[in-house]
PDB file of N, CA and C in Angstrom:
ATOM      1  N   UNK A   1     -73.905  30.616 -94.667  1.00  0.00           N
ATOM      2  CA  UNK A   1     -74.834  29.875 -94.702  1.00  0.00           C
ATOM      3  C   UNK A   1     -76.090  30.337 -95.109  1.00  0.00           C
ATOM      4  N   UNK A   2     -76.432  31.210 -94.072  1.00  0.00           N
ATOM      5  CA  UNK A   2     -77.896  31.928 -94.080  1.00  0.00           C
ATOM      6  C   UNK A   2     -78.371  32.420 -95.397  1.00  0.00           C
ATOM      7  N   UNK A   3     -77.368  32.718 -96.475  1.00  0.00           N
ATOM      8  CA  UNK A   3     -77.710  33.147 -97.589  1.00  0.00           C
ATOM      9  C   UNK A   3     -78.282  32.073 -98.466  1.00  0.00           C
ATOM     10  N   UNK A   4     -77.743  30.994 -98.302  1.00  0.00           N
ATOM     11  CA  UNK A   4     -78.215  29.668 -98.817  1.00  0.00           C
ATOM     12  C   UNK A   4     -79.699  29.532 -98.636  1.00  0.00           C
ATOM     13  N   UNK A   5     -80.114  29.585 -97.171  1.00  0.00           N
ATOM     14  CA  UNK A   5     -81.431  29.102 -96.511  1.00  0.00           C
ATOM     15  C   UNK A   5     -82.441  30.484 -97.335  1.00  0.00           C
ATOM     16  N   UNK A   6     -81.856  31.391 -97.301  1.00  0.00           N
ATOM     17  CA  UNK A   6     -82.700  32.934 -97.864  1.00  0.00           C
ATOM     18  C   UNK A   6     -82.865  32.383 -99.806  1.00  0.00           C
ATOM     19  N   UNK A   7     -82.083  31.994-100.128  1.00  0.00           N
ATOM     20  CA  UNK A   7     -81.815  31.647-101.581  1.00  0.00           C
ATOM     21  C   UNK A   7     -82.926  30.679-102.196  1.00  0.00           C
ATOM     22  N   UNK A   8     -83.506  29.859-101.142  1.00  0.00           N
ATOM     23  CA  UNK A   8     -84.474  28.858-101.204  1.00  0.00           C
ATOM     24  C   UNK A   8     -85.839  29.334-101.301  1.00  0.00           C
ATOM     25  N   UNK A   9     -86.140  30.523-100.301  1.00  0.00           N
ATOM     26  CA  UNK A   9     -87.464  30.747 -99.744  1.00  0.00           C
ATOM     27  C   UNK A   9     -88.053  31.338-101.260  1.00  0.00           C
ATOM     28  N   UNK A  10     -89.794  30.998-101.265  1.00  0.00           N
ATOM     29  CA  UNK A  10     -90.069  31.952-102.281  1.00  0.00           C
ATOM     30  C   UNK A  10     -90.336  33.232-102.074  1.00  0.00           C
ATOM     31  N   UNK A  11     -90.499  33.950-102.948  1.00  0.00           N
ATOM     32  CA  UNK A  11     -90.764  35.308-102.993  1.00  0.00           C
ATOM     33  C   UNK A  11     -92.355  35.801-102.963  1.00  0.00           C
ATOM     34  N   UNK A  12     -92.440  36.974-103.557  1.00  0.00           N
ATOM     35  CA  UNK A  12     -94.089  37.297-103.633  1.00  0.00           C
ATOM     36  C   UNK A  12     -94.145  36.837-104.979  1.00  0.00           C
ATOM     37  N   UNK A  13     -93.777  36.887-106.165  1.00  0.00           N
ATOM     38  CA  UNK A  13     -94.103  36.365-107.295  1.00  0.00           C
ATOM     39  C   UNK A  13     -94.347  34.942-107.298  1.00  0.00           C
ATOM     40  N   UNK A  14     -93.732  33.962-106.714  1.00  0.00           N
ATOM     41  CA  UNK A  14     -93.822  32.592-106.617  1.00  0.00           C
ATOM     42  C   UNK A  14     -95.089  32.291-105.850  1.00  0.00           C
ATOM     43  N   UNK A  15     -95.096  33.274-104.655  1.00  0.00           N
ATOM     44  CA  UNK A  15     -96.297  32.722-104.226  1.00  0.00           C
ATOM     45  C   UNK A  15     -97.382  33.218-104.750  1.00  0.00           C
ATOM     46  N   UNK A  16     -97.749  34.261-105.272  1.00  0.00           N
ATOM     47  CA  UNK A  16     -98.639  34.533-106.428  1.00  0.00           C
ATOM     48  C   UNK A  16     -99.423  33.574-107.455  1.00  0.00           C
ATOM     49  N   UNK A  17     -97.975  33.335-107.925  1.00  0.00           N
ATOM     50  CA  UNK A  17     -98.353  32.291-109.247  1.00  0.00           C
ATOM     51  C   UNK A  17     -98.651  31.058-108.514  1.00  0.00           C
ATOM     52  N   UNK A  18     -98.327  30.590-107.305  1.00  0.00           N
ATOM     53  CA  UNK A  18     -99.082  29.232-106.852  1.00  0.00           C
ATOM     54  C   UNK A  18    -100.430  29.366-106.543  1.00  0.00           C
ATOM     55  N   UNK A  19    -100.736  30.681-105.933  1.00  0.00           N
ATOM     56  CA  UNK A  19    -101.920  30.874-105.341  1.00  0.00           C
ATOM     57  C   UNK A  19    -103.125  31.007-106.208  1.00  0.00           C
ATOM     58  N   UNK A  20    -102.446  31.738-107.568  1.00  0.00           N
ATOM     59  CA  UNK A  20    -103.180  31.320-109.015  1.00  0.00           C
ATOM     60  C   UNK A  20    -103.638  29.941-109.320  1.00  0.00           C
ATOM     61  N   UNK A  21    -102.637  29.196-109.730  1.00  0.00           N
ATOM     62  CA  UNK A  21    -102.958  28.056-109.968  1.00  0.00           C
ATOM     63  C   UNK A  21    -103.798  27.178-108.848  1.00  0.00           C
ATOM     64  N   UNK A  22    -103.647  27.431-107.761  1.00  0.00           N
ATOM     65  CA  UNK A  22    -104.830  26.845-106.823  1.00  0.00           C
ATOM     66  C   UNK A  22    -106.239  27.424-106.984  1.00  0.00           C
ATOM     67  N   UNK A  23    -106.003  28.527-107.402  1.00  0.00           N
ATOM     68  CA  UNK A  23    -107.369  29.192-107.447  1.00  0.00           C
ATOM     69  C   UNK A  23    -108.161  28.860-108.710  1.00  0.00           C
ATOM     70  N   UNK A  24    -107.312  28.460-109.713  1.00  0.00           N
ATOM     71  CA  UNK A  24    -107.846  27.939-110.886  1.00  0.00           C
ATOM     72  C   UNK A  24    -108.520  26.317-110.585  1.00  0.00           C
ATOM     73  N   UNK A  25    -107.776  25.482-110.008  1.00  0.00           N
ATOM     74  CA  UNK A  25    -107.919  24.218-109.932  1.00  0.00           C
ATOM     75  C   UNK A  25    -108.859  24.068-108.714  1.00  0.00           C
ATOM     76  N   UNK A  26    -109.176  25.042-107.758  1.00  0.00           N
ATOM     77  CA  UNK A  26    -109.899  24.667-106.617  1.00  0.00           C
ATOM     78  C   UNK A  26    -111.038  25.793-106.539  1.00  0.00           C
ATOM     79  N   UNK A  27    -111.147  26.711-107.470  1.00  0.00           N
ATOM     80  CA  UNK A  27    -111.751  27.878-107.375  1.00  0.00           C
ATOM     81  C   UNK A  27    -113.335  27.970-107.032  1.00  0.00           C
ATOM     82  N   UNK A  28    -114.122  26.685-108.042  1.00  0.00           N
ATOM     83  CA  UNK A  28    -115.549  26.381-107.945  1.00  0.00           C
ATOM     84  C   UNK A  28    -115.962  25.824-106.638  1.00  0.00           C
ATOM     85  N   UNK A  29    -114.593  24.997-106.014  1.00  0.00           N
ATOM     86  CA  UNK A  29    -115.470  24.667-104.429  1.00  0.00           C
ATOM     87  C   UNK A  29    -114.709  25.149-103.335  1.00  0.00           C
ATOM     88  N   UNK A  30    -114.283  26.667-103.817  1.00  0.00           N
ATOM     89  CA  UNK A  30    -113.798  27.531-102.781  1.00  0.00           C
ATOM     90  C   UNK A  30    -114.697  28.225-101.492  1.00  0.00           C
ATOM     91  N   UNK A  31    -116.100  28.739-102.332  1.00  0.00           N
ATOM     92  CA  UNK A  31    -116.975  29.140-101.649  1.00  0.00           C
ATOM     93  C   UNK A  31    -117.647  28.330-100.793  1.00  0.00           C
ATOM     94  N   UNK A  32    -117.939  26.775-101.329  1.00  0.00           N
ATOM     95  CA  UNK A  32    -118.401  25.785-100.167  1.00  0.00           C
ATOM     96  C   UNK A  32    -117.669  25.515 -99.139  1.00  0.00           C
ATOM     97  N   UNK A  33    -116.120  25.492 -99.220  1.00  0.00           N
ATOM     98  CA  UNK A  33    -115.505  25.097 -98.369  1.00  0.00           C
ATOM     99  C   UNK A  33    -115.171  26.223 -97.189  1.00  0.00           C
ATOM    100  N   UNK A  34    -115.242  27.595 -97.442  1.00  0.00           N
ATOM    101  CA  UNK A  34    -115.281  28.761 -96.850  1.00  0.00           C
ATOM    102  C   UNK A  34    -116.578  29.147 -95.895  1.00  0.00           C
ATOM    103  N   UNK A  35    -117.648  28.624 -96.770  1.00  0.00           N
ATOM    104  CA  UNK A  35    -118.828  28.616 -96.164  1.00  0.00           C
ATOM    105  C   UNK A  35    -118.948  27.388 -94.729  1.00  0.00           C
ATOM    106  N   UNK A  36    -118.692  26.279 -94.787  1.00  0.00           N
ATOM    107  CA  UNK A  36    -118.640  25.476 -93.971  1.00  0.00           C
ATOM    108  C   UNK A  36    -117.567  25.880 -92.939  1.00  0.00           C
ATOM    109  N   UNK A  37    -116.237  26.359 -93.367  1.00  0.00           N
ATOM    110  CA  UNK A  37    -115.568  26.845 -91.914  1.00  0.00           C
ATOM    111  C   UNK A  37    -116.016  28.062 -91.385  1.00  0.00           C
ATOM    112  N   UNK A  38    -117.129  28.625 -92.006  1.00  0.00           N
ATOM    113  CA  UNK A  38    -117.552  29.600 -91.113  1.00  0.00           C
ATOM    114  C   UNK A  38    -118.818  29.207 -90.094  1.00  0.00           C
ATOM    115  N   UNK A  39    -119.529  28.190 -90.973  1.00  0.00           N
ATOM    116  CA  UNK A  39    -120.207  27.465 -89.631  1.00  0.00           C
ATOM    117  C   UNK A  39    -119.515  26.906 -88.699  1.00  0.00           C
ATOM    118  N   UNK A  40    -118.668  26.114 -88.946  1.00  0.00           N
ATOM    119  CA  UNK A  40    -118.014  25.471 -88.059  1.00  0.00           C
ATOM    120  C   UNK A  40    -117.179  26.462 -87.076  1.00  0.00           C
ATOM    121  N   UNK A  41    -116.977  27.286 -87.441  1.00  0.00           N
ATOM    122  CA  UNK A  41    -116.025  28.521 -86.359  1.00  0.00           C
ATOM    123  C   UNK A  41    -117.352  28.991 -85.430  1.00  0.00           C
ATOM    124  N   UNK A  42    -118.610  29.425 -86.062  1.00  0.00           N
ATOM    125  CA  UNK A  42    -119.869  29.875 -85.374  1.00  0.00           C
ATOM    126  C   UNK A  42    -119.881  28.802 -84.305  1.00  0.00           C
ATOM    127  N   UNK A  43    -120.021  27.562 -84.800  1.00  0.00           N
ATOM    128  CA  UNK A  43    -120.545  26.286 -83.957  1.00  0.00           C
ATOM    129  C   UNK A  43    -119.687  26.309 -82.560  1.00  0.00           C
ATOM    130  N   UNK A  44    -118.278  26.355 -82.639  1.00  0.00           N
ATOM    131  CA  UNK A  44    -117.602  26.120 -81.971  1.00  0.00           C
ATOM    132  C   UNK A  44    -117.555  27.649 -81.039  1.00  0.00           C
ATOM    133  N   UNK A  45    -117.790  28.879 -81.437  1.00  0.00           N
ATOM    134  CA  UNK A  45    -117.893  29.523 -80.578  1.00  0.00           C
ATOM    135  C   UNK A  45    -119.220  29.579 -79.358  1.00  0.00           C
ATOM    136  N   UNK A  46    -120.332  29.008 -80.303  1.00  0.00           N
ATOM    137  CA  UNK A  46    -121.164  28.715 -79.606  1.00  0.00           C
ATOM    138  C   UNK A  46    -121.322  27.747 -78.418  1.00  0.00           C
ATOM    139  N   UNK A  47    -120.462  26.532 -78.810  1.00  0.00           N
ATOM    140  CA  UNK A  47    -120.207  25.589 -78.070  1.00  0.00           C
ATOM    141  C   UNK A  47    -119.286  26.347 -76.450  1.00  0.00           C
ATOM    142  N   UNK A  48    -118.449  27.150 -76.958  1.00  0.00           N
ATOM    143  CA  UNK A  48    -117.585  27.669 -75.918  1.00  0.00           C
ATOM    144  C   UNK A  48    -118.601  28.637 -74.993  1.00  0.00           C
ATOM    145  N   UNK A  49    -119.298  29.554 -75.631  1.00  0.00           N
ATOM    146  CA  UNK A  49    -120.226  30.694 -74.904  1.00  0.00           C
ATOM    147  C   UNK A  49    -121.217  29.395 -74.214  1.00  0.00           C
ATOM    148  N   UNK A  50    -121.948  28.428 -74.657  1.00  0.00           N
ATOM    149  CA  UNK A  50    -122.606  27.561 -73.640  1.00  0.00           C
ATOM    150  C   UNK A  50    -122.057  26.811 -72.656  1.00  0.00           C
ATOM    151  N   UNK A  51    -120.474  26.608 -72.998  1.00  0.00           N
ATOM    152  CA  UNK A  51    -119.876  25.918 -71.652  1.00  0.00           C
ATOM    153  C   UNK A  51    -119.578  27.192 -70.789  1.00  0.00           C
ATOM    154  N   UNK A  52    -119.154  27.987 -71.322  1.00  0.00           N
ATOM    155  CA  UNK A  52    -118.700  28.982 -70.012  1.00  0.00           C
ATOM    156  C   UNK A  52    -120.118  29.636 -69.236  1.00  0.00           C
ATOM    157  N   UNK A  53    -121.166  29.521 -69.682  1.00  0.00           N
ATOM    158  CA  UNK A  53    -122.342  30.010 -69.213  1.00  0.00           C
ATOM    159  C   UNK A  53    -122.938  28.706 -68.288  1.00  0.00           C
ATOM    160  N   UNK A  54    -122.846  27.684 -68.539  1.00  0.00           N
ATOM    161  CA  UNK A  54    -123.107  26.638 -67.735  1.00  0.00           C
ATOM    162  C   UNK A  54    -122.051  26.229 -66.361  1.00  0.00           C
ATOM    163  N   UNK A  55    -120.787  26.711 -67.046  1.00  0.00           N
ATOM    164  CA  UNK A  55    -119.964  26.872 -65.611  1.00  0.00           C
ATOM    165  C   UNK A  55    -120.357  27.798 -64.672  1.00  0.00           C
ATOM    166  N   UNK A  56    -120.805  29.160 -65.139  1.00  0.00           N
ATOM    167  CA  UNK A  56    -121.426  29.907 -63.993  1.00  0.00           C
ATOM    168  C   UNK A  56    -122.508  29.494 -63.717  1.00  0.00           C
ATOM    169  N   UNK A  57    -123.354  28.822 -63.883  1.00  0.00           N
ATOM    170  CA  UNK A  57    -124.540  28.527 -63.408  1.00  0.00           C
ATOM    171  C   UNK A  57    -124.045  27.429 -62.450  1.00  0.00           C
ATOM    172  N   UNK A  58    -123.092  26.526 -62.482  1.00  0.00           N
ATOM    173  CA  UNK A  58    -122.585  25.574 -61.435  1.00  0.00           C
ATOM    174  C   UNK A  58    -122.374  26.308 -60.430  1.00  0.00           C
ATOM    175  N   UNK A  59    -121.085  27.466 -60.979  1.00  0.00           N
ATOM    176  CA  UNK A  59    -120.568  28.142 -59.755  1.00  0.00           C
ATOM    177  C   UNK A  59    -121.812  28.724 -58.508  1.00  0.00           C
ATOM    178  N   UNK A  60    -122.857  29.518 -59.148  1.00  0.00           N
ATOM    179  CA  UNK A  60    -123.851  30.126 -58.448  1.00  0.00           C
ATOM    180  C   UNK A  60    -124.530  29.148 -57.975  1.00  0.00           C
ATOM    181  N   UNK A  61    -124.878  27.990 -58.287  1.00  0.00           N
ATOM    182  CA  UNK A  61    -125.813  26.886 -57.306  1.00  0.00           C
ATOM    183  C   UNK A  61    -124.435  26.479 -56.278  1.00  0.00           C
ATOM    184  N   UNK A  62    -123.231  26.396 -56.435  1.00  0.00           N
ATOM    185  CA  UNK A  62    -122.351  26.010 -55.252  1.00  0.00           C
ATOM    186  C   UNK A  62    -122.323  27.086 -54.194  1.00  0.00           C
ATOM    187  N   UNK A  63    -122.676  28.410 -54.672  1.00  0.00           N
ATOM    188  CA  UNK A  63    -122.669  29.454 -53.578  1.00  0.00           C
ATOM    189  C   UNK A  63    -124.050  29.219 -52.924  1.00  0.00           C
ATOM    190  N   UNK A  64    -124.993  29.270 -53.819  1.00  0.00           N
ATOM    191  CA  UNK A  64    -126.112  29.005 -52.960  1.00  0.00           C
ATOM    192  C   UNK A  64    -126.485  27.849 -51.939  1.00  0.00           C
ATOM    193  N   UNK A  65    -125.547  26.817 -52.228  1.00  0.00           N
ATOM    194  CA  UNK A  65    -126.057  25.573 -51.450  1.00  0.00           C
ATOM    195  C   UNK A  65    -125.000  25.857 -50.277  1.00  0.00           C
ATOM    196  N   UNK A  66    -123.615  26.517 -50.501  1.00  0.00           N
ATOM    197  CA  UNK A  66    -123.106  26.842 -49.289  1.00  0.00           C
ATOM    198  C   UNK A  66    -123.776  27.831 -48.357  1.00  0.00           C
ATOM    199  N   UNK A  67    -124.422  29.015 -48.959  1.00  0.00           N
ATOM    200  CA  UNK A  67    -125.169  29.789 -47.837  1.00  0.00           C
ATOM    201  C   UNK A  67    -126.316  28.969 -47.169  1.00  0.00           C
ATOM    202  N   UNK A  68    -127.084  27.870 -48.168  1.00  0.00           N
ATOM    203  CA  UNK A  68    -128.151  27.271 -47.295  1.00  0.00           C
ATOM    204  C   UNK A  68    -127.700  26.434 -46.264  1.00  0.00           C
ATOM    205  N   UNK A  69    -126.545  25.730 -46.461  1.00  0.00           N
ATOM    206  CA  UNK A  69    -125.732  25.109 -45.419  1.00  0.00           C
ATOM    207  C   UNK A  69    -125.109  25.825 -44.176  1.00  0.00           C
ATOM    208  N   UNK A  70    -124.955  27.034 -44.634  1.00  0.00           N
ATOM    209  CA  UNK A  70    -124.610  27.866 -43.296  1.00  0.00           C
ATOM    210  C   UNK A  70    -125.800  28.325 -42.540  1.00  0.00           C
ATOM    211  N   UNK A  71    -126.623  28.747 -43.307  1.00  0.00           N
ATOM    212  CA  UNK A  71    -128.235  29.088 -42.665  1.00  0.00           C
ATOM    213  C   UNK A  71    -128.448  27.683 -41.925  1.00  0.00           C
ATOM    214  N   UNK A  72    -128.571  26.437 -42.095  1.00  0.00           N
ATOM    215  CA  UNK A  72    -128.887  25.371 -41.294  1.00  0.00           C
ATOM    216  C   UNK A  72    -127.779  24.931 -40.182  1.00  0.00           C
ATOM    217  N   UNK A  73    -126.798  25.594 -40.234  1.00  0.00           N
ATOM    218  CA  UNK A  73    -125.783  25.392 -39.558  1.00  0.00           C
ATOM    219  C   UNK A  73    -126.152  26.285 -38.133  1.00  0.00           C
ATOM    220  N   UNK A  74    -126.867  27.101 -38.325  1.00  0.00           N
ATOM    221  CA  UNK A  74    -126.733  28.304 -37.336  1.00  0.00           C
ATOM    222  C   UNK A  74    -128.039  27.749 -36.584  1.00  0.00           C
TER     223      UNK A  74
END
């Protein structure tokens, strides 16, 4: 049974042929797609970095507020 499943799996030559056909059909659009994909990844990383920095600032503000409250209680 498992040999039947392996029989229908594409091999390296088939994958290369499909890749070449895709490259011929969409080759002129490929640089623009990759450029926009790269920009979106950079923006995503910036957003994550800014979010973690904002979280660190909020945590430090909480620590400062607690220390002020402790000093006021004394």
